[in-house]
Amino acid sequence: MDREKMIARHYLETGVLGAYETAEVMHVEEENGKYAPCFEDATVFFDKTQTTAIRSMCIEGRRFRIRSVLPAAGHTPTDKLLALIDTELEKDTHFA
């Protein structure tokens, strides 16, 4: 398969045009029993009320600054997703 066909196939299968490489995890922060991976291209600030992650990404020559603000206490989107997965697994084990 030639290069152009491979690129087209990759785009059709993933919706991503071009290469996408994630940054490496430099270290993991632990705060109140929760772990947050810290990437080489991000800065993370822990506060009493929120956790803020700031990343700078370069996509096709354009620079984007991404800021994620999550509550320090309570349920983050990841917590909610994990709870949903646990609920589904419990349902599956009851029917087995």
N, C-alpha and C. Protein backbone atom coordinates (compact mmCIF):
# COMPACT_ATOMS: atom_id res chain seq x y z
N MET A 1 0.85 -1.18 0.00
CA MET A 1 0.00 0.00 0.00
C MET A 1 0.90 1.24 0.00
N ASP A 2 0.62 2.18 -0.91
CA ASP A 2 1.46 3.37 -0.98
C ASP A 2 1.15 4.33 0.18
N ARG A 3 2.04 5.29 0.37
CA ARG A 3 1.96 6.22 1.50
C ARG A 3 0.63 7.00 1.53
N GLU A 4 0.18 7.49 0.41
CA GLU A 4 -1.06 8.28 0.37
C GLU A 4 -2.27 7.44 0.77
N LYS A 5 -2.30 6.20 0.33
CA LYS A 5 -3.40 5.31 0.69
C LYS A 5 -3.37 4.99 2.19
N MET A 6 -2.16 4.83 2.74
CA MET A 6 -2.03 4.56 4.18
C MET A 6 -2.53 5.76 4.99
N ILE A 7 -2.17 6.96 4.55
CA ILE A 7 -2.62 8.18 5.25
C ILE A 7 -4.15 8.28 5.18
N ALA A 8 -4.71 8.04 4.00
CA ALA A 8 -6.17 8.10 3.83
C ALA A 8 -6.86 7.05 4.69
N ARG A 9 -6.32 5.86 4.71
CA ARG A 9 -6.92 4.79 5.52
C ARG A 9 -6.88 5.14 7.00
N HIS A 10 -5.73 5.64 7.46
CA HIS A 10 -5.60 6.04 8.86
C HIS A 10 -6.63 7.12 9.20
N TYR A 11 -6.81 8.09 8.32
CA TYR A 11 -7.77 9.16 8.56
C TYR A 11 -9.20 8.60 8.64
N LEU A 12 -9.55 7.71 7.73
CA LEU A 12 -10.90 7.14 7.72
C LEU A 12 -11.16 6.29 8.97
N GLU A 13 -10.14 5.59 9.44
CA GLU A 13 -10.31 4.73 10.62
C GLU A 13 -10.31 5.50 11.93
N THR A 14 -9.55 6.58 12.01
CA THR A 14 -9.38 7.27 13.30
C THR A 14 -9.95 8.68 13.34
N GLY A 15 -10.12 9.30 12.18
CA GLY A 15 -10.54 10.70 12.16
C GLY A 15 -9.40 11.66 12.43
N VAL A 16 -8.18 11.14 12.55
CA VAL A 16 -7.00 11.97 12.82
C VAL A 16 -6.18 12.05 11.55
N LEU A 17 -5.93 13.27 11.09
CA LEU A 17 -5.10 13.46 9.90
C LEU A 17 -3.71 13.87 10.35
N GLY A 18 -2.73 13.10 10.03
CA GLY A 18 -1.36 13.40 10.43
C GLY A 18 -0.99 12.65 11.70
N ALA A 19 0.23 12.82 12.11
CA ALA A 19 0.74 12.12 13.30
C ALA A 19 0.30 12.84 14.56
N TYR A 20 0.05 12.06 15.57
CA TYR A 20 -0.27 12.62 16.88
C TYR A 20 0.55 11.86 17.89
N GLU A 21 1.41 12.57 18.58
CA GLU A 21 2.25 11.93 19.59
C GLU A 21 1.94 12.55 20.93
N THR A 22 1.69 11.71 21.92
CA THR A 22 1.43 12.23 23.26
C THR A 22 2.75 12.49 23.97
N ALA A 23 2.71 13.41 24.90
CA ALA A 23 3.89 13.72 25.69
C ALA A 23 4.13 12.61 26.70
N GLU A 24 5.35 12.47 27.11
CA GLU A 24 5.71 11.46 28.09
C GLU A 24 5.33 11.91 29.50
N VAL A 25 4.95 10.96 30.35
CA VAL A 25 4.67 11.25 31.75
C VAL A 25 6.02 11.42 32.45
N MET A 26 6.22 12.57 33.07
CA MET A 26 7.49 12.85 33.74
C MET A 26 7.49 12.29 35.17
N HIS A 27 6.39 12.48 35.89
CA HIS A 27 6.23 11.92 37.22
C HIS A 27 4.75 11.95 37.59
N VAL A 28 4.41 11.34 38.71
CA VAL A 28 3.02 11.27 39.14
C VAL A 28 2.89 11.96 40.49
N GLU A 29 1.95 12.90 40.58
CA GLU A 29 1.67 13.60 41.83
C GLU A 29 0.58 12.86 42.58
N GLU A 30 0.69 12.82 43.91
CA GLU A 30 -0.33 12.21 44.74
C GLU A 30 -0.85 13.25 45.71
N GLU A 31 -2.17 13.41 45.74
CA GLU A 31 -2.80 14.38 46.63
C GLU A 31 -4.06 13.74 47.19
N ASN A 32 -4.10 13.55 48.49
CA ASN A 32 -5.27 12.97 49.17
C ASN A 32 -5.69 11.63 48.56
N GLY A 33 -4.74 10.80 48.26
CA GLY A 33 -5.05 9.48 47.72
C GLY A 33 -5.38 9.44 46.24
N LYS A 34 -5.34 10.59 45.56
CA LYS A 34 -5.61 10.64 44.12
C LYS A 34 -4.29 10.91 43.41
N TYR A 35 -4.14 10.29 42.26
CA TYR A 35 -2.91 10.41 41.50
C TYR A 35 -3.14 11.17 40.21
N ALA A 36 -2.21 12.04 39.86
CA ALA A 36 -2.31 12.83 38.64
C ALA A 36 -1.00 12.70 37.87
N PRO A 37 -1.05 12.20 36.63
CA PRO A 37 0.18 12.14 35.84
C PRO A 37 0.59 13.55 35.41
N CYS A 38 1.87 13.84 35.51
CA CYS A 38 2.40 15.15 35.10
C CYS A 38 3.22 14.94 33.83
N PHE A 39 2.83 15.65 32.78
CA PHE A 39 3.45 15.48 31.48
C PHE A 39 4.53 16.55 31.27
N GLU A 40 5.45 16.26 30.35
CA GLU A 40 6.56 17.18 30.11
C GLU A 40 6.10 18.50 29.51
N ASP A 41 4.90 18.52 28.90
CA ASP A 41 4.43 19.76 28.28
C ASP A 41 3.28 20.40 29.06
N ALA A 42 3.16 20.08 30.37
CA ALA A 42 2.06 20.62 31.16
C ALA A 42 2.56 21.08 32.54
N THR A 43 1.84 22.04 33.08
CA THR A 43 2.08 22.50 34.44
C THR A 43 0.80 22.27 35.23
N VAL A 44 0.93 21.66 36.41
CA VAL A 44 -0.24 21.36 37.24
C VAL A 44 -0.14 22.14 38.54
N PHE A 45 -1.24 22.81 38.90
CA PHE A 45 -1.32 23.56 40.14
C PHE A 45 -2.39 22.93 41.02
N PHE A 46 -2.01 22.56 42.26
CA PHE A 46 -2.96 22.01 43.22
C PHE A 46 -3.35 23.11 44.18
N ASP A 47 -4.64 23.30 44.38
CA ASP A 47 -5.19 24.33 45.25
C ASP A 47 -6.17 23.63 46.19
N LYS A 48 -6.64 24.32 47.23
CA LYS A 48 -7.61 23.72 48.14
C LYS A 48 -8.94 23.45 47.46
N THR A 49 -9.32 24.27 46.48
CA THR A 49 -10.63 24.12 45.84
C THR A 49 -10.58 23.51 44.45
N GLN A 50 -9.43 23.58 43.79
CA GLN A 50 -9.36 23.07 42.42
C GLN A 50 -7.94 22.66 42.04
N THR A 51 -7.86 21.84 41.00
CA THR A 51 -6.60 21.46 40.39
C THR A 51 -6.62 22.00 38.96
N THR A 52 -5.57 22.71 38.58
CA THR A 52 -5.52 23.31 37.26
C THR A 52 -4.32 22.74 36.50
N ALA A 53 -4.57 22.27 35.28
CA ALA A 53 -3.50 21.78 34.41
C ALA A 53 -3.45 22.69 33.19
N ILE A 54 -2.25 23.14 32.84
CA ILE A 54 -2.06 24.03 31.70
C ILE A 54 -1.08 23.35 30.73
N ARG A 55 -1.52 23.20 29.48
CA ARG A 55 -0.67 22.61 28.44
C ARG A 55 -0.54 23.57 27.28
N SER A 56 0.57 23.49 26.62
CA SER A 56 0.79 24.25 25.41
C SER A 56 1.03 23.23 24.30
N MET A 57 0.16 23.26 23.26
CA MET A 57 0.27 22.28 22.18
C MET A 57 0.49 23.00 20.86
N CYS A 58 1.30 22.40 20.02
CA CYS A 58 1.54 22.95 18.69
C CYS A 58 0.95 21.97 17.68
N ILE A 59 -0.07 22.44 16.93
CA ILE A 59 -0.75 21.60 15.95
C ILE A 59 -0.70 22.31 14.61
N GLU A 60 -0.06 21.67 13.64
CA GLU A 60 0.09 22.22 12.30
C GLU A 60 0.59 23.67 12.32
N GLY A 61 1.60 23.91 13.15
CA GLY A 61 2.22 25.23 13.21
C GLY A 61 1.49 26.25 14.06
N ARG A 62 0.34 25.90 14.60
CA ARG A 62 -0.42 26.83 15.45
C ARG A 62 -0.29 26.39 16.90
N ARG A 63 -0.10 27.36 17.78
CA ARG A 63 0.06 27.05 19.20
C ARG A 63 -1.26 27.25 19.93
N PHE A 64 -1.62 26.24 20.75
CA PHE A 64 -2.83 26.28 21.54
C PHE A 64 -2.47 26.12 23.01
N ARG A 65 -3.12 26.91 23.87
CA ARG A 65 -2.97 26.75 25.32
C ARG A 65 -4.26 26.14 25.84
N ILE A 66 -4.12 24.98 26.50
CA ILE A 66 -5.27 24.27 27.03
C ILE A 66 -5.21 24.37 28.55
N ARG A 67 -6.31 24.77 29.16
CA ARG A 67 -6.39 24.86 30.62
C ARG A 67 -7.54 23.99 31.09
N SER A 68 -7.24 23.00 31.93
CA SER A 68 -8.26 22.13 32.51
C SER A 68 -8.37 22.46 33.99
N VAL A 69 -9.58 22.75 34.44
CA VAL A 69 -9.82 23.07 35.84
C VAL A 69 -10.78 22.03 36.40
N LEU A 70 -10.32 21.30 37.42
CA LEU A 70 -11.12 20.24 38.03
C LEU A 70 -11.27 20.51 39.52
N PRO A 71 -12.38 20.10 40.12
CA PRO A 71 -12.55 20.31 41.56
C PRO A 71 -11.53 19.49 42.35
N ALA A 72 -10.99 20.07 43.41
CA ALA A 72 -10.02 19.35 44.24
C ALA A 72 -10.72 18.27 45.06
N ALA A 73 -11.93 18.56 45.49
CA ALA A 73 -12.71 17.58 46.25
C ALA A 73 -13.96 17.28 45.44
N GLY A 74 -14.53 16.15 45.70
CA GLY A 74 -15.74 15.81 44.95
C GLY A 74 -15.43 14.85 43.84
N HIS A 75 -16.23 14.89 42.81
CA HIS A 75 -16.11 13.92 41.74
C HIS A 75 -15.65 14.57 40.45
N THR A 76 -14.53 14.10 39.96
CA THR A 76 -14.03 14.55 38.67
C THR A 76 -14.69 13.71 37.58
N PRO A 77 -14.58 14.11 36.33
CA PRO A 77 -15.11 13.27 35.24
C PRO A 77 -14.53 11.86 35.26
N THR A 78 -13.28 11.71 35.63
CA THR A 78 -12.68 10.37 35.71
C THR A 78 -13.33 9.55 36.80
N ASP A 79 -13.59 10.18 37.98
CA ASP A 79 -14.27 9.48 39.06
C ASP A 79 -15.64 8.98 38.61
N LYS A 80 -16.37 9.82 37.89
CA LYS A 80 -17.71 9.44 37.42
C LYS A 80 -17.63 8.29 36.42
N LEU A 81 -16.65 8.34 35.52
CA LEU A 81 -16.49 7.27 34.54
C LEU A 81 -16.12 5.96 35.23
N LEU A 82 -15.22 6.00 36.19
CA LEU A 82 -14.85 4.79 36.92
C LEU A 82 -16.03 4.22 37.69
N ALA A 83 -16.85 5.09 38.29
CA ALA A 83 -18.05 4.63 39.01
C ALA A 83 -19.01 3.95 38.04
N LEU A 84 -19.18 4.50 36.85
CA LEU A 84 -20.05 3.90 35.84
C LEU A 84 -19.54 2.53 35.42
N ILE A 85 -18.23 2.42 35.21
CA ILE A 85 -17.64 1.14 34.84
C ILE A 85 -17.85 0.12 35.95
N ASP A 86 -17.64 0.53 37.21
CA ASP A 86 -17.85 -0.38 38.34
C ASP A 86 -19.29 -0.85 38.41
N THR A 87 -20.24 0.06 38.18
CA THR A 87 -21.66 -0.29 38.20
C THR A 87 -21.97 -1.32 37.12
N GLU A 88 -21.44 -1.10 35.91
CA GLU A 88 -21.68 -2.04 34.81
C GLU A 88 -21.06 -3.40 35.11
N LEU A 89 -19.87 -3.41 35.71
CA LEU A 89 -19.23 -4.68 36.05
C LEU A 89 -20.03 -5.42 37.11
N GLU A 90 -20.57 -4.69 38.09
CA GLU A 90 -21.40 -5.32 39.13
C GLU A 90 -22.66 -5.93 38.51
N LYS A 91 -23.27 -5.23 37.56
CA LYS A 91 -24.46 -5.76 36.87
C LYS A 91 -24.10 -7.06 36.15
N ASP A 92 -22.96 -7.07 35.47
CA ASP A 92 -22.54 -8.26 34.73
C ASP A 92 -22.31 -9.44 35.65
N THR A 93 -21.74 -9.20 36.84
CA THR A 93 -21.45 -10.31 37.75
C THR A 93 -22.73 -10.86 38.38
N HIS A 94 -23.76 -10.04 38.52
CA HIS A 94 -25.03 -10.51 39.08
C HIS A 94 -25.77 -11.39 38.10
N PHE A 95 -25.58 -11.17 36.81
CA PHE A 95 -26.27 -11.94 35.79
C PHE A 95 -25.50 -13.21 35.42
N ALA A 96 -24.26 -13.30 35.82
CA ALA A 96 -23.44 -14.45 35.42
C ALA A 96 -23.75 -15.68 36.25
